[in-house]
């Protein structure tokens, strides 16, 4: 398989619409998932997971886990950018990171981390990424030093540990 070149991060822009607002006068939490799924689809396309050549390898990708951290309210008319990139890679899995930021301010409204699984179309089980794709993903992943500087990266949910670092 030939992996087409890709460029990261991938940016998805949007403006908070009236239909996205809930009874608390801010963006409904369900809409955050819609935004992050749209961003996931866009980065998956950029990485080539939707290419016929990738599908012909007998692999596809499934979401295995999703963590969203809400940091600030998004309100009607806010212009937002979702900045998506590869955070971490292993032979059969990768983690995508999405930072939803308010344009003009750069402050994070929410973050999401998605565990993406490489899955065999035949067995419907997790399988290794094709070699060329794995190499390209490894090259795109940040170094350990860079990873340590990303706020709330790899954070798990807990009642006993401190909450997320807020703006």
Foldseek 3Di string as FASTA:
>chain_A
DDWDDADDWDKDKDWDAPVQADPVQFGDPVVVVVVVVVSVVVVCVRRPQPPPVQVVVQKHKDWDDKDKDFFATHHHGFIWMWTKFWAADDFFKTKMKIFIAGPPVRFTRMIMIIIMGIAGNVPRHGDGRPPNSRVSSVVRHDDPVVSVPDFPPPPDDDPPDDDGDHD
